[in-house]
Amino acid sequence: MTITTPPNGATYTYEQVVDAGYSCSVGAEATLKSCPAPVANGSPINTSTVGNRGQSFEVTATDNDNQTTSVTNIYTVTAAPTSLTASPQLDLTPPARTVGLDVASATLTSGGTALAGQTITFTDGSLHLCTAVTNSIGNASGSIPPADEVWVDATNVIFVVGAQKLVPTVEAARERIFEYSLKHEDARAYAAYSMNSYVGKNIEIHQEQPGRIHVVVVRQVVGF
């Protein structure tokens, strides 16, 4: 069993089109039963998640005796800085921030004159991304932590959860992600960006330091 694309250790740019390439095989006396992978052979792999921890591409071959063999390659997706032109306001909300972008930058002007020494706060909805101070030409740039590190490295974490998401068991939660949330998010993403959605990562918290994580359940519908 081999994975030709993505090769282990490869680096791609954000939203670069890269078609998966892999093949599955089993022993001479066995029959290949299944060969699941994140995407079908020849289909584009995920290059929309930016981060320094790498993406995994795993292919698993199963034979008719249910014996499995897996191969996993790790690749990294990087992003070029995003450039925004700001109106004379200090709070900026990018019209569409892509999760994991490395840098946010903006130029602050008033009547064509650069404003120096002003603090700009970059946000994505209610999510604070970073702050930066404009230089002599009115430009400010700030580093945005990868999305998968924001809650991992934070001293305190608060999850705001819509009550409609509460289910009785972990199994029911996993099923809800695929059978309900994914379908609605896929429709939203396609309408907004002409791109389909998928389940890339599931976060399950089994143990944590007391008092670090708080969950606020609200009665209004939040997300899917």
N, C-alpha and C. Protein backbone atom coordinates (compact mmCIF):
# COMPACT_ATOMS: atom_id res chain seq x y z
N MET A 1 0.85 -1.18 0.00
CA MET A 1 0.00 0.00 0.00
C MET A 1 0.89 1.24 0.00
N THR A 2 0.62 2.19 -0.87
CA THR A 2 1.46 3.37 -0.99
C THR A 2 0.61 4.63 -1.11
N ILE A 3 1.18 5.73 -0.61
CA ILE A 3 0.59 7.06 -0.80
C ILE A 3 1.63 7.88 -1.57
N THR A 4 1.30 8.22 -2.77
CA THR A 4 2.22 9.03 -3.57
C THR A 4 1.98 10.52 -3.37
N THR A 5 0.72 10.91 -3.17
CA THR A 5 0.35 12.29 -2.92
C THR A 5 -0.73 12.35 -1.86
N PRO A 6 -0.49 13.04 -0.74
CA PRO A 6 0.67 13.87 -0.45
C PRO A 6 1.84 13.03 0.06
N PRO A 7 3.06 13.31 -0.37
CA PRO A 7 4.19 12.59 0.21
C PRO A 7 4.42 13.06 1.65
N ASN A 8 5.02 12.22 2.44
CA ASN A 8 5.27 12.57 3.83
C ASN A 8 6.22 13.77 3.91
N GLY A 9 5.82 14.78 4.69
CA GLY A 9 6.65 15.96 4.86
C GLY A 9 6.42 17.05 3.83
N ALA A 10 5.45 16.88 2.94
CA ALA A 10 5.21 17.88 1.90
C ALA A 10 4.64 19.16 2.50
N THR A 11 4.85 20.27 1.80
CA THR A 11 4.30 21.56 2.20
C THR A 11 3.55 22.17 1.02
N TYR A 12 2.31 22.61 1.29
CA TYR A 12 1.49 23.22 0.25
C TYR A 12 1.01 24.58 0.75
N THR A 13 0.58 25.41 -0.19
CA THR A 13 0.04 26.71 0.18
C THR A 13 -1.47 26.62 0.36
N TYR A 14 -2.01 27.59 1.06
CA TYR A 14 -3.44 27.63 1.36
C TYR A 14 -4.28 27.53 0.09
N GLU A 15 -5.21 26.58 0.08
CA GLU A 15 -6.15 26.33 -1.01
C GLU A 15 -5.47 25.95 -2.32
N GLN A 16 -4.22 25.47 -2.24
CA GLN A 16 -3.57 24.92 -3.43
C GLN A 16 -4.30 23.63 -3.83
N VAL A 17 -4.53 23.43 -5.10
CA VAL A 17 -5.22 22.23 -5.56
C VAL A 17 -4.20 21.11 -5.69
N VAL A 18 -4.36 20.09 -4.86
CA VAL A 18 -3.47 18.94 -4.85
C VAL A 18 -4.33 17.68 -4.86
N ASP A 19 -4.22 16.87 -5.89
CA ASP A 19 -5.03 15.66 -6.00
C ASP A 19 -4.36 14.50 -5.29
N ALA A 20 -5.13 13.78 -4.52
CA ALA A 20 -4.62 12.62 -3.78
C ALA A 20 -4.21 11.51 -4.74
N GLY A 21 -3.15 10.80 -4.36
CA GLY A 21 -2.71 9.65 -5.13
C GLY A 21 -2.28 8.53 -4.21
N TYR A 22 -2.97 7.41 -4.26
CA TYR A 22 -2.63 6.28 -3.40
C TYR A 22 -3.18 4.99 -4.01
N SER A 23 -2.65 3.88 -3.52
CA SER A 23 -3.14 2.57 -3.97
C SER A 23 -3.14 1.62 -2.79
N CYS A 24 -4.05 0.67 -2.82
CA CYS A 24 -4.19 -0.32 -1.75
C CYS A 24 -3.99 -1.72 -2.31
N SER A 25 -3.38 -2.56 -1.51
CA SER A 25 -3.21 -3.96 -1.90
C SER A 25 -3.14 -4.82 -0.64
N VAL A 26 -3.45 -6.07 -0.79
CA VAL A 26 -3.37 -7.04 0.32
C VAL A 26 -2.58 -8.25 -0.17
N GLY A 27 -2.39 -9.20 0.72
CA GLY A 27 -1.63 -10.39 0.38
C GLY A 27 -2.21 -11.17 -0.79
N ALA A 28 -1.38 -12.02 -1.36
CA ALA A 28 -1.77 -12.77 -2.57
C ALA A 28 -2.99 -13.65 -2.33
N GLU A 29 -3.17 -14.16 -1.11
CA GLU A 29 -4.28 -15.07 -0.82
C GLU A 29 -5.48 -14.35 -0.23
N ALA A 30 -5.43 -13.04 -0.17
CA ALA A 30 -6.52 -12.27 0.42
C ALA A 30 -7.21 -11.43 -0.64
N THR A 31 -8.37 -10.92 -0.28
CA THR A 31 -9.15 -10.06 -1.16
C THR A 31 -9.34 -8.71 -0.49
N LEU A 32 -9.09 -7.65 -1.23
CA LEU A 32 -9.26 -6.31 -0.68
C LEU A 32 -10.75 -6.03 -0.46
N LYS A 33 -11.08 -5.68 0.78
CA LYS A 33 -12.47 -5.41 1.15
C LYS A 33 -12.80 -3.93 1.09
N SER A 34 -11.91 -3.11 1.61
CA SER A 34 -12.14 -1.66 1.59
C SER A 34 -10.81 -0.93 1.67
N CYS A 35 -10.85 0.32 1.24
CA CYS A 35 -9.63 1.14 1.26
C CYS A 35 -10.02 2.60 1.50
N PRO A 36 -10.52 2.93 2.71
CA PRO A 36 -10.94 4.29 2.99
C PRO A 36 -9.76 5.25 3.16
N ALA A 37 -10.02 6.49 2.79
CA ALA A 37 -9.03 7.57 2.92
C ALA A 37 -9.81 8.87 3.11
N PRO A 38 -9.14 9.96 3.48
CA PRO A 38 -9.86 11.23 3.67
C PRO A 38 -10.62 11.68 2.43
N VAL A 39 -10.09 11.42 1.25
CA VAL A 39 -10.78 11.75 -0.01
C VAL A 39 -10.54 10.60 -0.98
N ALA A 40 -11.33 10.55 -2.03
CA ALA A 40 -11.16 9.51 -3.03
C ALA A 40 -9.87 9.74 -3.82
N ASN A 41 -9.31 8.66 -4.31
CA ASN A 41 -8.10 8.75 -5.12
C ASN A 41 -8.34 9.66 -6.33
N GLY A 42 -7.46 10.66 -6.50
CA GLY A 42 -7.61 11.61 -7.60
C GLY A 42 -8.40 12.85 -7.24
N SER A 43 -8.98 12.89 -6.01
CA SER A 43 -9.73 14.07 -5.57
C SER A 43 -8.83 15.00 -4.77
N PRO A 44 -9.16 16.30 -4.70
CA PRO A 44 -8.31 17.25 -3.97
C PRO A 44 -8.27 16.95 -2.47
N ILE A 45 -7.08 17.04 -1.90
CA ILE A 45 -6.92 16.89 -0.46
C ILE A 45 -7.24 18.21 0.23
N ASN A 46 -7.32 18.19 1.55
CA ASN A 46 -7.62 19.39 2.32
C ASN A 46 -6.40 20.31 2.38
N THR A 47 -6.50 21.47 1.77
CA THR A 47 -5.45 22.49 1.91
C THR A 47 -6.06 23.80 2.41
N SER A 48 -7.17 23.67 3.14
CA SER A 48 -7.84 24.85 3.68
C SER A 48 -7.60 25.03 5.17
N THR A 49 -6.89 24.11 5.80
CA THR A 49 -6.60 24.21 7.22
C THR A 49 -5.12 24.51 7.39
N VAL A 50 -4.83 25.72 7.86
CA VAL A 50 -3.45 26.17 7.99
C VAL A 50 -2.97 25.93 9.41
N GLY A 51 -1.75 25.48 9.58
CA GLY A 51 -1.21 25.29 10.92
C GLY A 51 0.12 24.61 10.90
N ASN A 52 0.89 24.84 11.98
CA ASN A 52 2.25 24.28 12.01
C ASN A 52 2.30 22.87 12.57
N ARG A 53 1.15 22.27 12.88
CA ARG A 53 1.15 20.92 13.43
C ARG A 53 1.00 19.86 12.35
N GLY A 54 0.70 20.29 11.15
CA GLY A 54 0.62 19.34 10.06
C GLY A 54 -0.74 18.68 9.93
N GLN A 55 -1.03 18.23 8.72
CA GLN A 55 -2.26 17.49 8.43
C GLN A 55 -1.90 16.03 8.18
N SER A 56 -2.75 15.15 8.60
CA SER A 56 -2.49 13.73 8.38
C SER A 56 -3.37 13.21 7.25
N PHE A 57 -2.79 12.37 6.42
CA PHE A 57 -3.52 11.70 5.34
C PHE A 57 -3.30 10.21 5.54
N GLU A 58 -4.33 9.52 5.98
CA GLU A 58 -4.22 8.11 6.34
C GLU A 58 -5.06 7.25 5.40
N VAL A 59 -4.46 6.19 4.93
CA VAL A 59 -5.16 5.22 4.08
C VAL A 59 -5.09 3.86 4.79
N THR A 60 -6.22 3.20 4.88
CA THR A 60 -6.31 1.92 5.58
C THR A 60 -6.88 0.86 4.65
N ALA A 61 -6.14 -0.21 4.46
CA ALA A 61 -6.61 -1.33 3.63
C ALA A 61 -7.14 -2.44 4.54
N THR A 62 -8.31 -2.96 4.22
CA THR A 62 -8.93 -4.05 4.98
C THR A 62 -9.21 -5.21 4.03
N ASP A 63 -8.79 -6.41 4.42
CA ASP A 63 -9.05 -7.56 3.55
C ASP A 63 -10.30 -8.29 4.00
N ASN A 64 -10.62 -9.40 3.30
CA ASN A 64 -11.84 -10.14 3.60
C ASN A 64 -11.82 -10.85 4.93
N ASP A 65 -10.65 -10.94 5.59
CA ASP A 65 -10.55 -11.48 6.95
C ASP A 65 -10.53 -10.37 7.99
N ASN A 66 -10.83 -9.15 7.56
CA ASN A 66 -10.85 -7.97 8.41
C ASN A 66 -9.49 -7.64 9.02
N GLN A 67 -8.43 -8.03 8.34
CA GLN A 67 -7.09 -7.63 8.72
C GLN A 67 -6.79 -6.27 8.08
N THR A 68 -6.26 -5.35 8.85
CA THR A 68 -6.06 -4.00 8.34
C THR A 68 -4.58 -3.61 8.33
N THR A 69 -4.24 -2.77 7.39
CA THR A 69 -2.92 -2.16 7.30
C THR A 69 -3.10 -0.69 6.97
N SER A 70 -2.40 0.18 7.70
CA SER A 70 -2.57 1.62 7.51
C SER A 70 -1.23 2.29 7.20
N VAL A 71 -1.31 3.33 6.40
CA VAL A 71 -0.16 4.19 6.10
C VAL A 71 -0.61 5.63 6.29
N THR A 72 0.20 6.42 7.00
CA THR A 72 -0.14 7.81 7.24
C THR A 72 1.01 8.72 6.82
N ASN A 73 0.70 9.72 6.01
CA ASN A 73 1.66 10.75 5.63
C ASN A 73 1.22 12.07 6.25
N ILE A 74 2.20 12.88 6.67
CA ILE A 74 1.92 14.17 7.27
C ILE A 74 2.38 15.28 6.31
N TYR A 75 1.51 16.25 6.09
CA TYR A 75 1.87 17.39 5.26
C TYR A 75 1.44 18.68 5.95
N THR A 76 2.00 19.79 5.52
CA THR A 76 1.75 21.09 6.15
C THR A 76 1.18 22.05 5.13
N VAL A 77 0.23 22.88 5.58
CA VAL A 77 -0.35 23.91 4.72
C VAL A 77 0.03 25.27 5.30
N THR A 78 0.61 26.12 4.45
CA THR A 78 1.00 27.45 4.88
C THR A 78 0.14 28.48 4.16
N ALA A 79 0.09 29.68 4.73
CA ALA A 79 -0.74 30.73 4.14
C ALA A 79 0.06 32.00 3.96
N ALA A 80 -0.20 32.69 2.85
CA ALA A 80 0.40 34.00 2.65
C ALA A 80 -0.35 35.00 3.53
N PRO A 81 0.31 36.09 3.92
CA PRO A 81 -0.37 37.11 4.73
C PRO A 81 -1.60 37.66 4.02
N THR A 82 -2.59 38.01 4.80
CA THR A 82 -3.77 38.64 4.24
C THR A 82 -3.66 40.15 4.43
N SER A 83 -4.03 40.92 3.46
CA SER A 83 -3.91 42.37 3.55
C SER A 83 -5.30 42.99 3.50
N LEU A 84 -5.61 43.85 4.48
CA LEU A 84 -6.90 44.51 4.56
C LEU A 84 -6.68 46.02 4.53
N THR A 85 -7.55 46.76 3.91
CA THR A 85 -7.51 48.21 3.96
C THR A 85 -8.61 48.69 4.88
N ALA A 86 -8.23 49.40 5.94
CA ALA A 86 -9.19 49.77 6.98
C ALA A 86 -9.71 51.16 6.76
N SER A 87 -10.96 51.35 7.13
CA SER A 87 -11.49 52.71 7.24
C SER A 87 -10.98 53.26 8.57
N PRO A 88 -11.15 54.56 8.86
CA PRO A 88 -10.61 55.10 10.12
C PRO A 88 -11.38 54.60 11.34
N GLN A 89 -11.20 53.36 11.67
CA GLN A 89 -11.81 52.77 12.86
C GLN A 89 -10.78 51.85 13.49
N LEU A 90 -10.89 51.64 14.78
CA LEU A 90 -9.87 50.88 15.49
C LEU A 90 -10.24 49.41 15.62
N ASP A 91 -11.51 49.09 15.56
CA ASP A 91 -11.92 47.69 15.60
C ASP A 91 -12.18 47.22 14.19
N LEU A 92 -11.45 46.21 13.76
CA LEU A 92 -11.62 45.69 12.41
C LEU A 92 -12.17 44.27 12.47
N THR A 93 -13.18 44.02 11.70
CA THR A 93 -13.67 42.66 11.56
C THR A 93 -13.47 42.26 10.11
N PRO A 94 -12.51 41.39 9.79
CA PRO A 94 -12.32 40.97 8.40
C PRO A 94 -13.62 40.41 7.85
N PRO A 95 -13.96 40.73 6.61
CA PRO A 95 -15.24 40.25 6.06
C PRO A 95 -15.33 38.73 6.00
N ALA A 96 -14.21 38.05 5.86
CA ALA A 96 -14.24 36.58 5.84
C ALA A 96 -12.84 36.09 6.19
N ARG A 97 -12.60 35.81 7.46
CA ARG A 97 -11.29 35.31 7.87
C ARG A 97 -11.26 33.81 7.70
N THR A 98 -10.20 33.29 7.13
CA THR A 98 -10.02 31.86 6.99
C THR A 98 -9.26 31.34 8.19
N VAL A 99 -9.77 30.32 8.84
CA VAL A 99 -9.16 29.78 10.04
C VAL A 99 -7.70 29.45 9.80
N GLY A 100 -6.84 29.93 10.68
CA GLY A 100 -5.44 29.55 10.64
C GLY A 100 -4.53 30.50 9.89
N LEU A 101 -5.05 31.60 9.30
CA LEU A 101 -4.16 32.53 8.60
C LEU A 101 -3.10 33.04 9.58
N ASP A 102 -1.87 33.20 9.11
CA ASP A 102 -0.75 33.51 9.98
C ASP A 102 -0.69 34.98 10.39
N VAL A 103 -1.08 35.88 9.50
CA VAL A 103 -0.88 37.31 9.73
C VAL A 103 -2.13 38.08 9.34
N ALA A 104 -2.46 39.10 10.14
CA ALA A 104 -3.49 40.06 9.77
C ALA A 104 -2.81 41.41 9.65
N SER A 105 -3.09 42.15 8.58
CA SER A 105 -2.48 43.46 8.42
C SER A 105 -3.49 44.44 7.86
N ALA A 106 -3.30 45.70 8.17
CA ALA A 106 -4.21 46.73 7.70
C ALA A 106 -3.47 48.06 7.64
N THR A 107 -3.95 48.95 6.80
CA THR A 107 -3.41 50.30 6.72
C THR A 107 -4.51 51.27 7.13
N LEU A 108 -4.22 52.08 8.14
CA LEU A 108 -5.23 52.98 8.71
C LEU A 108 -4.97 54.40 8.20
N THR A 109 -5.94 54.97 7.51
CA THR A 109 -5.80 56.32 6.97
C THR A 109 -7.05 57.13 7.26
N SER A 110 -6.90 58.44 7.20
CA SER A 110 -8.03 59.35 7.33
C SER A 110 -7.84 60.48 6.34
N GLY A 111 -8.72 60.57 5.36
CA GLY A 111 -8.58 61.60 4.35
C GLY A 111 -7.31 61.47 3.55
N GLY A 112 -6.82 60.24 3.39
CA GLY A 112 -5.60 59.99 2.64
C GLY A 112 -4.34 60.13 3.46
N THR A 113 -4.46 60.49 4.75
CA THR A 113 -3.30 60.65 5.62
C THR A 113 -3.17 59.44 6.53
N ALA A 114 -1.95 58.90 6.59
CA ALA A 114 -1.71 57.73 7.45
C ALA A 114 -1.83 58.12 8.92
N LEU A 115 -2.43 57.24 9.71
CA LEU A 115 -2.55 57.45 11.15
C LEU A 115 -1.56 56.54 11.85
N ALA A 116 -0.55 57.14 12.49
CA ALA A 116 0.48 56.37 13.20
C ALA A 116 0.15 56.28 14.68
N GLY A 117 0.66 55.20 15.31
CA GLY A 117 0.51 55.04 16.75
C GLY A 117 -0.87 54.66 17.21
N GLN A 118 -1.70 54.16 16.30
CA GLN A 118 -3.05 53.75 16.65
C GLN A 118 -3.11 52.24 16.85
N THR A 119 -3.85 51.82 17.86
CA THR A 119 -4.00 50.39 18.13
C THR A 119 -5.17 49.84 17.33
N ILE A 120 -4.90 48.79 16.58
CA ILE A 120 -5.93 48.12 15.79
C ILE A 120 -6.19 46.75 16.40
N THR A 121 -7.45 46.45 16.61
CA THR A 121 -7.85 45.14 17.12
C THR A 121 -8.47 44.34 15.98
N PHE A 122 -7.88 43.21 15.68
CA PHE A 122 -8.41 42.33 14.64
C PHE A 122 -9.32 41.30 15.30
N THR A 123 -10.52 41.18 14.77
CA THR A 123 -11.48 40.23 15.31
C THR A 123 -12.12 39.44 14.19
N ASP A 124 -12.67 38.28 14.56
CA ASP A 124 -13.47 37.48 13.64
C ASP A 124 -14.78 37.23 14.35
N GLY A 125 -15.78 38.07 14.06
CA GLY A 125 -16.99 38.01 14.85
C GLY A 125 -16.67 38.42 16.28
N SER A 126 -16.94 37.54 17.24
CA SER A 126 -16.63 37.83 18.63
C SER A 126 -15.26 37.30 19.05
N LEU A 127 -14.53 36.68 18.13
CA LEU A 127 -13.25 36.08 18.45
C LEU A 127 -12.13 37.10 18.27
N HIS A 128 -11.40 37.36 19.35
CA HIS A 128 -10.25 38.25 19.29
C HIS A 128 -9.08 37.51 18.66
N LEU A 129 -8.49 38.11 17.60
CA LEU A 129 -7.39 37.47 16.91
C LEU A 129 -6.05 38.00 17.38
N CYS A 130 -5.87 39.32 17.32
CA CYS A 130 -4.61 39.92 17.73
C CYS A 130 -4.77 41.43 17.73
N THR A 131 -3.82 42.12 18.32
CA THR A 131 -3.79 43.57 18.27
C THR A 131 -2.44 44.01 17.71
N ALA A 132 -2.41 45.19 17.10
CA ALA A 132 -1.18 45.73 16.54
C ALA A 132 -1.26 47.24 16.53
N VAL A 133 -0.10 47.90 16.51
CA VAL A 133 -0.03 49.36 16.51
C VAL A 133 0.49 49.82 15.15
N THR A 134 -0.15 50.83 14.58
CA THR A 134 0.24 51.32 13.26
C THR A 134 1.60 52.02 13.33
N ASN A 135 2.37 51.84 12.27
CA ASN A 135 3.68 52.49 12.18
C ASN A 135 3.55 53.85 11.51
N SER A 136 4.68 54.42 11.07
CA SER A 136 4.68 55.79 10.54
C SER A 136 3.88 55.92 9.25
N ILE A 137 3.68 54.82 8.55
CA ILE A 137 2.89 54.89 7.31
C ILE A 137 1.49 54.33 7.51
N GLY A 138 1.11 54.15 8.79
CA GLY A 138 -0.25 53.72 9.09
C GLY A 138 -0.50 52.23 8.98
N ASN A 139 0.58 51.44 8.83
CA ASN A 139 0.40 50.00 8.67
C ASN A 139 0.59 49.28 10.00
N ALA A 140 -0.23 48.28 10.23
CA ALA A 140 -0.11 47.45 11.44
C ALA A 140 -0.27 46.00 11.04
N SER A 141 0.58 45.15 11.60
CA SER A 141 0.50 43.71 11.33
C SER A 141 0.59 42.95 12.64
N GLY A 142 -0.21 41.91 12.77
CA GLY A 142 -0.20 41.09 13.97
C GLY A 142 -0.24 39.62 13.62
N SER A 143 0.38 38.82 14.46
CA SER A 143 0.39 37.36 14.23
C SER A 143 -0.85 36.73 14.83
N ILE A 144 -1.48 35.85 14.05
CA ILE A 144 -2.66 35.13 14.50
C ILE A 144 -2.27 33.70 14.83
N PRO A 145 -2.54 33.24 16.05
CA PRO A 145 -2.21 31.85 16.38
C PRO A 145 -3.02 30.89 15.52
N PRO A 146 -2.44 29.74 15.14
CA PRO A 146 -3.23 28.73 14.43
C PRO A 146 -4.47 28.38 15.23
N ALA A 147 -5.57 28.14 14.54
CA ALA A 147 -6.85 27.93 15.21
C ALA A 147 -6.81 26.77 16.19
N ASP A 148 -6.05 25.71 15.86
CA ASP A 148 -6.04 24.55 16.74
C ASP A 148 -5.16 24.75 17.97
N GLU A 149 -4.47 25.93 18.05
CA GLU A 149 -3.66 26.21 19.22
C GLU A 149 -4.32 27.21 20.16
N VAL A 150 -5.36 27.92 19.68
CA VAL A 150 -5.95 28.98 20.47
C VAL A 150 -6.45 28.46 21.80
N TRP A 151 -7.27 27.42 21.77
CA TRP A 151 -7.82 26.93 23.03
C TRP A 151 -6.84 26.04 23.77
N VAL A 152 -5.90 25.41 23.05
CA VAL A 152 -4.93 24.53 23.70
C VAL A 152 -4.00 25.33 24.60
N ASP A 153 -3.55 26.51 24.14
CA ASP A 153 -2.58 27.30 24.87
C ASP A 153 -3.20 28.32 25.81
N ALA A 154 -4.50 28.55 25.71
CA ALA A 154 -5.14 29.57 26.53
C ALA A 154 -5.14 29.18 28.00
N THR A 155 -4.98 30.18 28.88
CA THR A 155 -5.02 29.94 30.32
C THR A 155 -6.41 29.54 30.76
N ASN A 156 -7.42 30.21 30.21
CA ASN A 156 -8.81 29.90 30.52
C ASN A 156 -9.58 29.73 29.21
N VAL A 157 -10.49 28.79 29.20
CA VAL A 157 -11.27 28.48 28.00
C VAL A 157 -12.75 28.52 28.34
N ILE A 158 -13.52 29.24 27.54
CA ILE A 158 -14.96 29.30 27.73
C ILE A 158 -15.64 28.86 26.45
N PHE A 159 -16.43 27.81 26.53
CA PHE A 159 -17.22 27.34 25.40
C PHE A 159 -18.65 27.85 25.57
N VAL A 160 -19.17 28.54 24.56
CA VAL A 160 -20.56 28.97 24.56
C VAL A 160 -21.32 28.03 23.63
N VAL A 161 -22.25 27.28 24.18
CA VAL A 161 -22.90 26.19 23.46
C VAL A 161 -24.40 26.40 23.42
N GLY A 162 -24.98 26.27 22.24
CA GLY A 162 -26.43 26.31 22.12
C GLY A 162 -27.04 25.06 22.73
N ALA A 163 -28.12 25.23 23.45
CA ALA A 163 -28.73 24.09 24.15
C ALA A 163 -29.20 23.00 23.20
N GLN A 164 -29.42 23.35 21.93
CA GLN A 164 -29.90 22.34 20.98
C GLN A 164 -28.84 21.29 20.68
N LYS A 165 -27.58 21.55 21.09
CA LYS A 165 -26.49 20.61 20.81
C LYS A 165 -26.33 19.55 21.90
N LEU A 166 -27.02 19.69 23.00
CA LEU A 166 -26.86 18.74 24.10
C LEU A 166 -27.50 17.39 23.77
N VAL A 167 -26.73 16.33 23.94
CA VAL A 167 -27.20 14.96 23.69
C VAL A 167 -26.79 14.09 24.87
N PRO A 168 -27.42 12.93 25.03
CA PRO A 168 -27.19 12.14 26.25
C PRO A 168 -25.86 11.39 26.31
N THR A 169 -25.26 11.06 25.16
CA THR A 169 -24.06 10.22 25.19
C THR A 169 -23.02 10.74 24.20
N VAL A 170 -21.76 10.29 24.39
CA VAL A 170 -20.70 10.64 23.46
C VAL A 170 -20.99 10.07 22.07
N GLU A 171 -21.51 8.86 22.03
CA GLU A 171 -21.83 8.23 20.75
C GLU A 171 -22.88 9.05 20.00
N ALA A 172 -23.87 9.55 20.74
CA ALA A 172 -24.90 10.37 20.10
C ALA A 172 -24.31 11.68 19.60
N ALA A 173 -23.33 12.22 20.32
CA ALA A 173 -22.68 13.46 19.90
C ALA A 173 -21.92 13.26 18.60
N ARG A 174 -21.18 12.16 18.52
CA ARG A 174 -20.43 11.87 17.30
C ARG A 174 -21.38 11.68 16.11
N GLU A 175 -22.46 10.98 16.35
CA GLU A 175 -23.43 10.75 15.28
C GLU A 175 -24.06 12.06 14.82
N ARG A 176 -24.34 12.94 15.78
CA ARG A 176 -24.96 14.23 15.44
C ARG A 176 -24.05 15.08 14.56
N ILE A 177 -22.74 15.00 14.79
CA ILE A 177 -21.79 15.77 13.98
C ILE A 177 -21.94 15.42 12.51
N PHE A 178 -21.99 14.12 12.22
CA PHE A 178 -22.02 13.67 10.83
C PHE A 178 -23.42 13.73 10.22
N GLU A 179 -24.42 13.37 11.02
CA GLU A 179 -25.77 13.24 10.47
C GLU A 179 -26.54 14.55 10.46
N TYR A 180 -26.13 15.51 11.29
CA TYR A 180 -26.88 16.77 11.35
C TYR A 180 -25.98 17.98 11.07
N SER A 181 -24.97 18.17 11.93
CA SER A 181 -24.15 19.39 11.82
C SER A 181 -23.44 19.50 10.48
N LEU A 182 -22.82 18.41 10.03
CA LEU A 182 -22.07 18.45 8.78
C LEU A 182 -22.97 18.81 7.60
N LYS A 183 -24.16 18.25 7.56
CA LYS A 183 -25.06 18.52 6.44
C LYS A 183 -25.43 20.00 6.37
N HIS A 184 -25.72 20.60 7.53
CA HIS A 184 -26.10 22.01 7.55
C HIS A 184 -24.90 22.91 7.28
N GLU A 185 -23.73 22.58 7.85
CA GLU A 185 -22.54 23.38 7.62
C GLU A 185 -22.09 23.28 6.17
N ASP A 186 -22.23 22.11 5.57
CA ASP A 186 -21.87 21.93 4.17
C ASP A 186 -22.72 22.84 3.29
N ALA A 187 -24.01 22.90 3.57
CA ALA A 187 -24.90 23.76 2.78
C ALA A 187 -24.54 25.23 2.97
N ARG A 188 -24.21 25.62 4.22
CA ARG A 188 -23.84 27.01 4.49
C ARG A 188 -22.54 27.37 3.78
N ALA A 189 -21.53 26.49 3.88
CA ALA A 189 -20.22 26.78 3.27
C ALA A 189 -20.33 26.87 1.75
N TYR A 190 -21.13 26.00 1.16
CA TYR A 190 -21.26 26.03 -0.31
C TYR A 190 -21.97 27.29 -0.76
N ALA A 191 -22.99 27.71 0.00
CA ALA A 191 -23.71 28.94 -0.37
C ALA A 191 -22.81 30.17 -0.22
N ALA A 192 -21.93 30.15 0.80
CA ALA A 192 -21.09 31.32 1.08
C ALA A 192 -19.82 31.35 0.25
N TYR A 193 -19.18 30.17 0.05
CA TYR A 193 -17.86 30.14 -0.57
C TYR A 193 -17.76 29.23 -1.79
N SER A 194 -18.87 28.58 -2.17
CA SER A 194 -18.87 27.59 -3.25
C SER A 194 -17.90 26.45 -2.95
N MET A 195 -17.77 26.11 -1.67
CA MET A 195 -16.89 25.02 -1.23
C MET A 195 -17.67 24.10 -0.31
N ASN A 196 -17.42 22.80 -0.42
CA ASN A 196 -18.04 21.86 0.48
C ASN A 196 -17.28 21.79 1.80
N SER A 197 -17.97 21.35 2.83
CA SER A 197 -17.36 21.21 4.15
C SER A 197 -17.12 19.74 4.44
N TYR A 198 -16.36 19.47 5.49
CA TYR A 198 -16.07 18.09 5.88
C TYR A 198 -15.65 18.10 7.35
N VAL A 199 -15.63 16.93 7.96
CA VAL A 199 -15.19 16.81 9.34
C VAL A 199 -13.70 16.52 9.33
N GLY A 200 -12.90 17.49 9.71
CA GLY A 200 -11.44 17.33 9.70
C GLY A 200 -10.90 16.87 11.04
N LYS A 201 -11.44 17.43 12.12
CA LYS A 201 -10.94 17.09 13.46
C LYS A 201 -12.10 17.07 14.45
N ASN A 202 -12.06 16.13 15.36
CA ASN A 202 -12.98 16.09 16.49
C ASN A 202 -12.17 16.29 17.77
N ILE A 203 -12.60 17.18 18.64
CA ILE A 203 -11.92 17.42 19.91
C ILE A 203 -12.74 16.81 21.03
N GLU A 204 -12.14 15.88 21.75
CA GLU A 204 -12.78 15.29 22.92
C GLU A 204 -11.90 15.55 24.13
N ILE A 205 -12.48 16.11 25.17
CA ILE A 205 -11.73 16.44 26.39
C ILE A 205 -12.06 15.39 27.44
N HIS A 206 -11.07 14.61 27.82
CA HIS A 206 -11.26 13.55 28.80
C HIS A 206 -10.81 13.95 30.21
N GLN A 207 -9.86 14.88 30.29
CA GLN A 207 -9.37 15.32 31.59
C GLN A 207 -8.79 16.72 31.44
N GLU A 208 -8.96 17.56 32.46
CA GLU A 208 -8.48 18.93 32.39
C GLU A 208 -8.20 19.44 33.78
N GLN A 209 -7.36 20.49 33.87
CA GLN A 209 -7.08 21.12 35.16
C GLN A 209 -8.36 21.76 35.70
N PRO A 210 -8.65 21.58 36.99
CA PRO A 210 -9.88 22.14 37.56
C PRO A 210 -9.96 23.65 37.36
N GLY A 211 -11.11 24.09 36.89
CA GLY A 211 -11.36 25.52 36.76
C GLY A 211 -10.88 26.15 35.47
N ARG A 212 -10.19 25.41 34.60
CA ARG A 212 -9.66 26.01 33.37
C ARG A 212 -10.73 26.15 32.30
N ILE A 213 -11.58 25.15 32.16
CA ILE A 213 -12.59 25.16 31.10
C ILE A 213 -13.97 25.39 31.71
N HIS A 214 -14.71 26.29 31.08
CA HIS A 214 -16.08 26.59 31.50
C HIS A 214 -16.99 26.45 30.28
N VAL A 215 -18.17 25.92 30.49
CA VAL A 215 -19.16 25.77 29.43
C VAL A 215 -20.39 26.58 29.78
N VAL A 216 -20.75 27.49 28.89
CA VAL A 216 -21.95 28.31 29.07
C VAL A 216 -22.99 27.83 28.08
N VAL A 217 -24.08 27.30 28.57
CA VAL A 217 -25.17 26.80 27.72
C VAL A 217 -26.23 27.88 27.58
N VAL A 218 -26.55 28.27 26.37
CA VAL A 218 -27.56 29.29 26.12
C VAL A 218 -28.77 28.66 25.43
N ARG A 219 -29.90 29.23 25.68
CA ARG A 219 -31.13 28.66 25.13
C ARG A 219 -31.35 28.97 23.66
N GLN A 220 -30.71 30.01 23.16
CA GLN A 220 -30.88 30.33 21.75
C GLN A 220 -30.04 29.38 20.90
N VAL A 221 -30.42 29.25 19.64
CA VAL A 221 -29.70 28.36 18.73
C VAL A 221 -28.38 29.02 18.35
N VAL A 222 -27.27 28.32 18.63
CA VAL A 222 -25.93 28.80 18.28
C VAL A 222 -25.28 27.75 17.39
N GLY A 223 -25.00 28.11 16.15
CA GLY A 223 -24.39 27.15 15.23
C GLY A 223 -25.34 26.00 14.91
N PHE A 224 -24.74 24.89 14.49
CA PHE A 224 -25.53 23.72 14.12
C PHE A 224 -25.34 22.60 15.12
